[in-house]
Amino acid sequence: MIMSLNKNKIFGYASLILALIGTALTLLGIYKYQEYTIGFSVAGAGFFAIAWAFNALKGRI
């Protein structure tokens, strides 16, 4: 079975992956590298913002 990816599925998968990376960065900052929590949290929030933008673009392009 060949998996057909249209634009909406690609944006959906990309936003999911970016949200997972953002969650991982935030959790790393909170639990493992506590002296760098601010930096990791800001980077995680950036990934969440990009994931939100990709999700908003789904169906419009």
N, C-alpha and C. Protein backbone atom coordinates (compact mmCIF):
# COMPACT_ATOMS: atom_id res chain seq x y z
N MET A 1 0.85 -1.18 0.00
CA MET A 1 0.00 0.00 0.00
C MET A 1 0.89 1.24 0.00
N ILE A 2 0.67 2.09 -0.97
CA ILE A 2 1.45 3.31 -1.07
C ILE A 2 0.72 4.42 -0.32
N MET A 3 1.46 5.08 0.56
CA MET A 3 0.87 6.13 1.37
C MET A 3 0.91 7.44 0.60
N SER A 4 -0.24 7.99 0.31
CA SER A 4 -0.27 9.25 -0.43
C SER A 4 -0.32 10.40 0.56
N LEU A 5 0.63 11.29 0.40
CA LEU A 5 0.69 12.46 1.26
C LEU A 5 0.29 13.69 0.46
N ASN A 6 -0.79 14.32 0.87
CA ASN A 6 -1.14 15.58 0.27
C ASN A 6 -0.63 16.71 1.18
N LYS A 7 -0.93 17.94 0.80
CA LYS A 7 -0.40 19.08 1.54
C LYS A 7 -0.88 19.09 2.99
N ASN A 8 -2.13 18.75 3.21
CA ASN A 8 -2.67 18.80 4.56
C ASN A 8 -2.03 17.77 5.48
N LYS A 9 -1.78 16.57 4.96
CA LYS A 9 -1.14 15.54 5.78
C LYS A 9 0.30 15.93 6.11
N ILE A 10 0.99 16.53 5.14
CA ILE A 10 2.37 16.95 5.40
C ILE A 10 2.40 18.03 6.47
N PHE A 11 1.52 19.01 6.37
CA PHE A 11 1.45 20.05 7.41
C PHE A 11 1.06 19.46 8.76
N GLY A 12 0.18 18.47 8.76
CA GLY A 12 -0.22 17.83 10.01
C GLY A 12 0.91 17.08 10.67
N TYR A 13 1.64 16.29 9.87
CA TYR A 13 2.78 15.56 10.42
C TYR A 13 3.89 16.50 10.88
N ALA A 14 4.12 17.56 10.11
CA ALA A 14 5.16 18.52 10.49
C ALA A 14 4.81 19.22 11.79
N SER A 15 3.55 19.60 11.95
CA SER A 15 3.16 20.27 13.19
C SER A 15 3.22 19.31 14.38
N LEU A 16 2.90 18.04 14.17
CA LEU A 16 3.00 17.06 15.24
C LEU A 16 4.46 16.87 15.66
N ILE A 17 5.35 16.73 14.69
CA ILE A 17 6.77 16.54 15.01
C ILE A 17 7.33 17.76 15.72
N LEU A 18 6.97 18.96 15.26
CA LEU A 18 7.47 20.18 15.91
C LEU A 18 6.92 20.31 17.33
N ALA A 19 5.67 19.93 17.54
CA ALA A 19 5.10 19.98 18.89
C ALA A 19 5.81 18.98 19.81
N LEU A 20 6.15 17.81 19.29
CA LEU A 20 6.87 16.83 20.10
C LEU A 20 8.27 17.33 20.46
N ILE A 21 8.95 17.96 19.51
CA ILE A 21 10.28 18.51 19.79
C ILE A 21 10.17 19.63 20.82
N GLY A 22 9.15 20.48 20.70
CA GLY A 22 8.94 21.54 21.68
C GLY A 22 8.67 21.00 23.08
N THR A 23 7.88 19.94 23.15
CA THR A 23 7.61 19.32 24.44
C THR A 23 8.88 18.72 25.03
N ALA A 24 9.66 18.05 24.18
CA ALA A 24 10.91 17.44 24.66
C ALA A 24 11.88 18.50 25.16
N LEU A 25 12.01 19.60 24.44
CA LEU A 25 12.92 20.66 24.88
C LEU A 25 12.47 21.26 26.21
N THR A 26 11.18 21.50 26.34
CA THR A 26 10.67 22.08 27.58
C THR A 26 10.89 21.13 28.76
N LEU A 27 10.61 19.86 28.55
CA LEU A 27 10.80 18.89 29.63
C LEU A 27 12.27 18.69 29.97
N LEU A 28 13.15 18.74 28.96
CA LEU A 28 14.58 18.67 29.24
C LEU A 28 15.03 19.84 30.11
N GLY A 29 14.52 21.02 29.80
CA GLY A 29 14.88 22.19 30.58
C GLY A 29 14.37 22.12 32.01
N ILE A 30 13.21 21.53 32.19
CA ILE A 30 12.63 21.47 33.53
C ILE A 30 13.30 20.40 34.39
N TYR A 31 13.51 19.22 33.81
CA TYR A 31 13.94 18.10 34.63
C TYR A 31 15.43 17.79 34.59
N LYS A 32 16.09 17.98 33.47
CA LYS A 32 17.48 17.55 33.37
C LYS A 32 18.46 18.70 33.52
N TYR A 33 18.26 19.76 32.77
CA TYR A 33 19.18 20.90 32.79
C TYR A 33 18.51 22.09 33.46
N GLN A 34 18.42 22.05 34.76
CA GLN A 34 17.68 23.07 35.49
C GLN A 34 18.37 24.43 35.48
N GLU A 35 19.69 24.46 35.27
CA GLU A 35 20.36 25.75 35.22
C GLU A 35 20.11 26.47 33.89
N TYR A 36 19.61 25.75 32.88
CA TYR A 36 19.31 26.34 31.57
C TYR A 36 17.82 26.28 31.26
N THR A 37 16.99 26.31 32.26
CA THR A 37 15.55 26.15 32.06
C THR A 37 14.97 27.24 31.18
N ILE A 38 15.40 28.49 31.36
CA ILE A 38 14.84 29.59 30.59
C ILE A 38 15.13 29.40 29.10
N GLY A 39 16.36 29.07 28.76
CA GLY A 39 16.71 28.88 27.36
C GLY A 39 15.98 27.74 26.70
N PHE A 40 15.91 26.61 27.39
CA PHE A 40 15.20 25.46 26.84
C PHE A 40 13.71 25.76 26.70
N SER A 41 13.14 26.49 27.66
CA SER A 41 11.72 26.80 27.59
C SER A 41 11.41 27.77 26.45
N VAL A 42 12.29 28.73 26.23
CA VAL A 42 12.07 29.67 25.13
C VAL A 42 12.18 28.95 23.79
N ALA A 43 13.16 28.06 23.67
CA ALA A 43 13.30 27.29 22.43
C ALA A 43 12.08 26.37 22.22
N GLY A 44 11.61 25.75 23.30
CA GLY A 44 10.41 24.91 23.20
C GLY A 44 9.19 25.71 22.80
N ALA A 45 9.05 26.93 23.35
CA ALA A 45 7.92 27.78 22.98
C ALA A 45 8.02 28.20 21.51
N GLY A 46 9.23 28.39 21.02
CA GLY A 46 9.40 28.70 19.60
C GLY A 46 8.94 27.55 18.71
N PHE A 47 9.28 26.33 19.11
CA PHE A 47 8.82 25.18 18.34
C PHE A 47 7.31 25.05 18.39
N PHE A 48 6.70 25.35 19.55
CA PHE A 48 5.24 25.33 19.64
C PHE A 48 4.62 26.38 18.73
N ALA A 49 5.22 27.57 18.65
CA ALA A 49 4.69 28.63 17.79
C ALA A 49 4.75 28.23 16.32
N ILE A 50 5.84 27.60 15.91
CA ILE A 50 5.96 27.16 14.52
C ILE A 50 4.95 26.04 14.24
N ALA A 51 4.77 25.13 15.20
CA ALA A 51 3.80 24.06 15.02
C ALA A 51 2.38 24.63 14.92
N TRP A 52 2.09 25.66 15.70
CA TRP A 52 0.78 26.30 15.64
C TRP A 52 0.57 26.95 14.27
N ALA A 53 1.60 27.60 13.74
CA ALA A 53 1.49 28.23 12.43
C ALA A 53 1.28 27.19 11.34
N PHE A 54 2.00 26.08 11.40
CA PHE A 54 1.81 25.01 10.41
C PHE A 54 0.40 24.45 10.51
N ASN A 55 -0.11 24.29 11.71
CA ASN A 55 -1.46 23.78 11.89
C ASN A 55 -2.49 24.78 11.34
N ALA A 56 -2.23 26.06 11.52
CA ALA A 56 -3.15 27.07 11.00
C ALA A 56 -3.12 27.11 9.47
N LEU A 57 -1.99 26.78 8.87
CA LEU A 57 -1.87 26.79 7.41
C LEU A 57 -2.55 25.59 6.76
N LYS A 58 -2.82 24.58 7.55
CA LYS A 58 -3.42 23.36 7.01
C LYS A 58 -4.77 23.69 6.35
N GLY A 59 -4.91 23.35 5.09
CA GLY A 59 -6.16 23.58 4.40
C GLY A 59 -6.25 24.92 3.70
N ARG A 60 -5.27 25.81 3.91
CA ARG A 60 -5.34 27.13 3.30
C ARG A 60 -4.38 27.29 2.14
N ILE A 61 -3.40 26.43 2.07
CA ILE A 61 -2.43 26.55 0.99
C ILE A 61 -2.68 25.47 -0.03
